[in-house]
C-alpha atoms as a PDB file:
ATOM      1  CA  MET A   1      77.772 150.892  84.169  1.00  0.00           C
ATOM      2  CA  ASN A   2      81.425 150.312  82.830  1.00  0.00           C
ATOM      3  CA  TRP A   3      83.669 151.358  79.698  1.00  0.00           C
ATOM      4  CA  LYS A   4      82.619 149.676  76.685  1.00  0.00           C
ATOM      5  CA  GLN A   5      78.769 149.554  77.762  1.00  0.00           C
ATOM      6  CA  LEU A   6      78.612 153.352  77.430  1.00  0.00           C
ATOM      7  CA  GLU A   7      76.275 154.432  74.318  1.00  0.00           C
ATOM      8  CA  ALA A   8      78.757 157.327  71.797  1.00  0.00           C
ATOM      9  CA  SER A   9      77.177 160.298  73.649  1.00  0.00           C
ATOM     10  CA  GLY A  10      77.814 159.191  76.657  1.00  0.00           C
ATOM     11  CA  ARG A  11      81.730 158.451  76.296  1.00  0.00           C
ATOM     12  CA  ARG A  12      81.644 161.853  74.117  1.00  0.00           C
ATOM     13  CA  ALA A  13      81.322 163.644  78.269  1.00  0.00           C
ATOM     14  CA  SER A  14      83.194 161.037  79.280  1.00  0.00           C
ATOM     15  CA  LEU A  15      86.471 161.587  77.773  1.00  0.00           C
ATOM     16  CA  ARG A  16      85.666 165.461  77.682  1.00  0.00           C
ATOM     17  CA  PHE A  17      85.691 165.018  81.783  1.00  0.00           C
ATOM     18  CA  TYR A  18      88.961 162.467  81.240  1.00  0.00           C
ATOM     19  CA  ARG A  19      91.324 165.497  79.173  1.00  0.00           C
ATOM     20  CA  GLN A  20      89.764 168.624  80.870  1.00  0.00           C
ATOM     21  CA  GLU A  21      89.999 167.107  84.924  1.00  0.00           C
ATOM     22  CA  VAL A  22      91.852 163.606  84.850  1.00  0.00           C
ATOM     23  CA  ASP A  23      94.653 163.193  82.597  1.00  0.00           C
ATOM     24  CA  PRO A  24      96.504 166.612  84.302  1.00  0.00           C
ATOM     25  CA  LEU A  25      95.909 164.937  87.293  1.00  0.00           C
ATOM     26  CA  ILE A  26      97.795 161.607  86.475  1.00  0.00           C
ATOM     27  CA  THR A  27     101.308 160.601  86.147  1.00  0.00           C
ATOM     28  CA  PRO A  28     101.777 156.303  84.703  1.00  0.00           C
ATOM     29  CA  VAL A  29     104.618 154.579  86.335  1.00  0.00           C
ATOM     30  CA  VAL A  30     106.032 151.689  85.072  1.00  0.00           C
ATOM     31  CA  ILE A  31     107.945 149.859  87.558  1.00  0.00           C
ATOM     32  CA  ASN A  32     111.596 148.359  86.090  1.00  0.00           C
ATOM     33  CA  PRO A  33     115.136 148.279  87.750  1.00  0.00           C
ATOM     34  CA  ALA A  34     115.340 152.061  87.668  1.00  0.00           C
ATOM     35  CA  ARG A  35     111.498 152.889  89.384  1.00  0.00           C
ATOM     36  CA  PRO A  36     111.372 150.755  92.098  1.00  0.00           C
ATOM     37  CA  PHE A  37     107.291 150.817  92.956  1.00  0.00           C
ATOM     38  CA  PRO A  38     105.641 154.152  93.912  1.00  0.00           C
ATOM     39  CA  ARG A  39     104.686 154.782  97.350  1.00  0.00           C
ATOM     40  CA  VAL A  40     101.032 153.732  97.980  1.00  0.00           C
ATOM     41  CA  GLY A  41      98.838 156.098  99.637  1.00  0.00           C
ATOM     42  CA  ASN A  42      96.990 154.431 102.749  1.00  0.00           C
ATOM     43  CA  LYS A  43      93.209 154.267 100.920  1.00  0.00           C
ATOM     44  CA  GLY A  44      94.395 155.752  97.670  1.00  0.00           C
ATOM     45  CA  LEU A  45      92.343 154.229  94.674  1.00  0.00           C
ATOM     46  CA  CYS A  46      95.228 152.680  92.149  1.00  0.00           C
ATOM     47  CA  LEU A  47      95.422 151.305  89.207  1.00  0.00           C
ATOM     48  CA  ALA A  48      97.648 148.337  87.878  1.00  0.00           C
ATOM     49  CA  PHE A  49      98.060 147.821  84.336  1.00  0.00           C
ATOM     50  CA  ARG A  50     100.046 144.589  82.745  1.00  0.00           C
ATOM     51  CA  LEU A  51     102.723 145.804  80.355  1.00  0.00           C
ATOM     52  CA  ARG A  52     104.293 143.821  77.502  1.00  0.00           C
ATOM     53  CA  ARG A  53     107.232 145.366  74.929  1.00  0.00           C
ATOM     54  CA  ARG A  54     109.043 143.042  72.861  1.00  0.00           C
ATOM     55  CA  ARG A  55     109.898 139.830  75.327  1.00  0.00           C
ATOM     56  CA  SER A  56     110.166 141.965  78.564  1.00  0.00           C
ATOM     57  CA  ARG A  57     106.510 141.872  80.570  1.00  0.00           C
ATOM     58  CA  PHE A  58     106.349 144.999  83.158  1.00  0.00           C
ATOM     59  CA  LEU A  59     103.869 146.189  85.628  1.00  0.00           C
ATOM     60  CA  GLY A  60     102.608 149.889  85.384  1.00  0.00           C
ATOM     61  CA  ILE A  61     101.068 152.117  88.618  1.00  0.00           C
ATOM     62  CA  LEU A  62      98.871 155.246  88.367  1.00  0.00           C
ATOM     63  CA  THR A  63      97.253 156.691  91.100  1.00  0.00           C
ATOM     64  CA  LEU A  64      94.547 158.875  91.353  1.00  0.00           C
ATOM     65  CA  SER A  65      93.967 162.015  92.813  1.00  0.00           C
ATOM     66  CA  ARG A  66      92.129 161.905  96.007  1.00  0.00           C
ATOM     67  CA  THR A  67      90.448 165.334  94.360  1.00  0.00           C
ATOM     68  CA  LEU A  68      88.918 163.245  91.144  1.00  0.00           C
ATOM     69  CA  PRO A  69      85.567 162.059  92.566  1.00  0.00           C
ATOM     70  CA  ARG A  70      85.581 157.859  92.050  1.00  0.00           C
ATOM     71  CA  TRP A  71      82.068 157.926  90.505  1.00  0.00           C
ATOM     72  CA  LEU A  72      81.395 160.387  86.996  1.00  0.00           C
ATOM     73  CA  ARG A  73      77.116 161.099  86.886  1.00  0.00           C
ATOM     74  CA  LEU A  74      76.811 160.658  82.520  1.00  0.00           C
ATOM     75  CA  PRO A  75      73.685 161.778  80.931  1.00  0.00           C
ATOM     76  CA  GLY A  76      71.210 159.228  79.769  1.00  0.00           C
ATOM     77  CA  ALA A  77      68.064 158.310  77.546  1.00  0.00           C
ATOM     78  CA  GLY A  78      65.178 159.732  79.316  1.00  0.00           C
ATOM     79  CA  LYS A  79      65.373 160.791  82.593  1.00  0.00           C
ATOM     80  CA  GLU A  80      67.522 158.283  83.571  1.00  0.00           C
ATOM     81  CA  GLU A  81      71.156 158.511  84.748  1.00  0.00           C
ATOM     82  CA  CYS A  82      74.207 156.581  84.193  1.00  0.00           C
ATOM     83  CA  TYR A  83      77.073 156.366  86.234  1.00  0.00           C
ATOM     84  CA  LEU A  84      80.803 155.405  85.536  1.00  0.00           C
ATOM     85  CA  PRO A  85      83.714 154.391  87.804  1.00  0.00           C
ATOM     86  CA  LEU A  86      86.950 156.917  87.322  1.00  0.00           C
ATOM     87  CA  ALA A  87      88.495 153.620  87.504  1.00  0.00           C
ATOM     88  CA  SER A  88      87.406 152.021  84.583  1.00  0.00           C
ATOM     89  CA  LEU A  89      87.229 155.460  82.369  1.00  0.00           C
ATOM     90  CA  VAL A  90      91.327 155.619  82.945  1.00  0.00           C
ATOM     91  CA  ALA A  91      91.919 151.464  82.882  1.00  0.00           C
ATOM     92  CA  ALA A  92      89.926 152.703  79.245  1.00  0.00           C
ATOM     93  CA  GLN A  93      92.700 155.055  78.109  1.00  0.00           C
ATOM     94  CA  ALA A  94      95.823 152.671  79.524  1.00  0.00           C
ATOM     95  CA  ASP A  95      97.098 152.376  75.688  1.00  0.00           C
ATOM     96  CA  GLU A  96      97.371 156.244  75.740  1.00  0.00           C
ATOM     97  CA  LEU A  97      98.688 156.570  78.622  1.00  0.00           C
ATOM     98  CA  PHE A  98     101.513 154.190  78.581  1.00  0.00           C
ATOM     99  CA  GLN A  99     102.745 154.504  74.849  1.00  0.00           C
ATOM    100  CA  GLY A 100     104.339 152.309  73.045  1.00  0.00           C
ATOM    101  CA  TYR A 101     103.906 148.905  75.081  1.00  0.00           C
ATOM    102  CA  GLU A 102     101.193 147.100  75.119  1.00  0.00           C
ATOM    103  CA  VAL A 103      98.701 146.743  77.531  1.00  0.00           C
ATOM    104  CA  THR A 104      97.366 143.065  78.495  1.00  0.00           C
ATOM    105  CA  ASP A 105      95.462 143.856  82.056  1.00  0.00           C
ATOM    106  CA  ALA A 106      94.313 146.479  84.366  1.00  0.00           C
ATOM    107  CA  ALA A 107      92.623 146.032  87.881  1.00  0.00           C
ATOM    108  CA  ALA A 108      92.393 148.619  90.005  1.00  0.00           C
ATOM    109  CA  PHE A 109      93.495 148.325  94.043  1.00  0.00           C
ATOM    110  CA  ARG A 110      93.366 149.899  96.958  1.00  0.00           C
ATOM    111  CA  ILE A 111      95.692 149.080 100.450  1.00  0.00           C
ATOM    112  CA  THR A 112      95.262 150.323 103.977  1.00  0.00           C
ATOM    113  CA  ARG A 113      97.641 150.861 106.307  1.00  0.00           C
ATOM    114  CA  ASN A 114      98.595 150.587 110.003  1.00  0.00           C
ATOM    115  CA  SER A 115      97.706 153.779 111.434  1.00  0.00           C
ATOM    116  CA  ASN A 116      97.956 152.817 115.064  1.00  0.00           C
ATOM    117  CA  LEU A 117      99.941 155.185 117.161  1.00  0.00           C
ATOM    118  CA  TYR A 118     103.065 154.096 119.310  1.00  0.00           C
ATOM    119  CA  LEU A 119     103.397 156.561 121.368  1.00  0.00           C
ATOM    120  CA  ASN A 120     105.723 156.071 125.180  1.00  0.00           C
ATOM    121  CA  GLU A 121     104.781 158.774 126.842  1.00  0.00           C
ATOM    122  CA  GLU A 122     107.827 158.071 129.872  1.00  0.00           C
ATOM    123  CA  GLU A 123     110.375 158.881 127.248  1.00  0.00           C
ATOM    124  CA  ALA A 124     109.225 161.519 125.619  1.00  0.00           C
ATOM    125  CA  ARG A 125     110.213 165.533 126.253  1.00  0.00           C
ATOM    126  CA  SER A 126     106.899 166.503 124.568  1.00  0.00           C
ATOM    127  CA  ILE A 127     103.280 165.216 124.321  1.00  0.00           C
ATOM    128  CA  LEU A 128     103.238 167.392 121.311  1.00  0.00           C
ATOM    129  CA  ASP A 129     105.882 166.268 119.415  1.00  0.00           C
ATOM    130  CA  LEU A 130     105.755 162.890 120.287  1.00  0.00           C
ATOM    131  CA  VAL A 131     101.962 162.640 118.709  1.00  0.00           C
ATOM    132  CA  SER A 132     103.239 164.730 115.573  1.00  0.00           C
ATOM    133  CA  GLY A 133     105.730 162.398 114.850  1.00  0.00           C
ATOM    134  CA  GLU A 134     103.887 159.365 115.014  1.00  0.00           C
ATOM    135  CA  VAL A 135     101.390 161.499 112.553  1.00  0.00           C
ATOM    136  CA  LEU A 136     103.920 161.381 110.376  1.00  0.00           C
ATOM    137  CA  ASN A 137     104.690 158.326 110.105  1.00  0.00           C
ATOM    138  CA  ARG A 138     101.291 156.876 110.201  1.00  0.00           C
ATOM    139  CA  ARG A 139     101.684 157.684 106.123  1.00  0.00           C
ATOM    140  CA  LYS A 140     104.046 154.986 106.297  1.00  0.00           C
ATOM    141  CA  GLY A 141     102.502 152.311 108.006  1.00  0.00           C
ATOM    142  CA  ASP A 142     102.940 148.706 107.108  1.00  0.00           C
ATOM    143  CA  VAL A 143     100.243 146.862 104.128  1.00  0.00           C
ATOM    144  CA  VAL A 144      98.043 145.476 106.631  1.00  0.00           C
ATOM    145  CA  ARG A 145      95.206 144.899 103.499  1.00  0.00           C
ATOM    146  CA  LEU A 146      94.861 144.725  99.730  1.00  0.00           C
ATOM    147  CA  GLU A 147      92.153 145.006  97.951  1.00  0.00           C
ATOM    148  CA  ILE A 148      91.448 144.064  94.029  1.00  0.00           C
ATOM    149  CA  GLU A 149      89.217 144.721  91.863  1.00  0.00           C
ATOM    150  CA  SER A 150      86.283 142.103  91.520  1.00  0.00           C
ATOM    151  CA  GLY A 151      86.097 142.132  88.350  1.00  0.00           C
ATOM    152  CA  ALA A 152      90.069 140.634  87.923  1.00  0.00           C
ATOM    153  CA  PRO A 153      90.602 137.290  87.174  1.00  0.00           C
ATOM    154  CA  GLN A 154      92.415 135.483  89.609  1.00  0.00           C
ATOM    155  CA  ARG A 155      95.485 133.873  88.200  1.00  0.00           C
ATOM    156  CA  ARG A 156      95.958 137.569  86.061  1.00  0.00           C
ATOM    157  CA  GLN A 157      95.338 140.255  88.842  1.00  0.00           C
ATOM    158  CA  PRO A 158      98.098 142.649  87.977  1.00  0.00           C
ATOM    159  CA  VAL A 159      98.510 143.762  91.549  1.00  0.00           C
ATOM    160  CA  GLN A 160      99.049 140.201  92.909  1.00  0.00           C
ATOM    161  CA  LEU A 161     102.373 140.311  90.088  1.00  0.00           C
ATOM    162  CA  ALA A 162     102.870 143.517  92.282  1.00  0.00           C
ATOM    163  CA  ALA A 163     101.973 141.855  96.165  1.00  0.00           C
ATOM    164  CA  ASP A 164     104.935 139.470  95.024  1.00  0.00           C
ATOM    165  CA  ASP A 165     107.425 140.790  93.467  1.00  0.00           C
ATOM    166  CA  PHE A 166     108.073 143.704  95.981  1.00  0.00           C
ATOM    167  CA  PRO A 167     108.336 144.496  99.918  1.00  0.00           C
ATOM    168  CA  GLN A 168     105.638 145.188 101.967  1.00  0.00           C
ATOM    169  CA  SER A 169     106.326 148.716 102.769  1.00  0.00           C
ATOM    170  CA  PHE A 170     104.771 149.429  99.186  1.00  0.00           C
END
């Protein structure tokens, strides 16, 4: 189920959850020369938005906290339960998140980073120091996979713009 398919009671319940639990934890970022592409964590769920202001186009990025559920259970008719993806709920609030911009497109995405440990035991003074240093570097690994929401049109995927225009290290 997505936001557009929800009935009034489902929208009220999901908006209540959004305002109480989600909104305080998210910070939308608009990419521009003064604010480069943010560092996206390994396997973190993000949303990309194509934005327009006057004649200029921008890219908006939003990372969803790992503490939030990915699916919202909503009251349904009778014994039937409905589930709404968190990404759909947040994308529906895009106009509120990016005030002053026209939101033209949105898509959820996730990246996977290279998390291999590269250890050279012969040059290390301590195995513990070597491993702890490499564990910290895992978060900064190169992007090895980009997953984009299946419903995003191929020619208009907002994240594809990011993948083309920004360095591999995002």
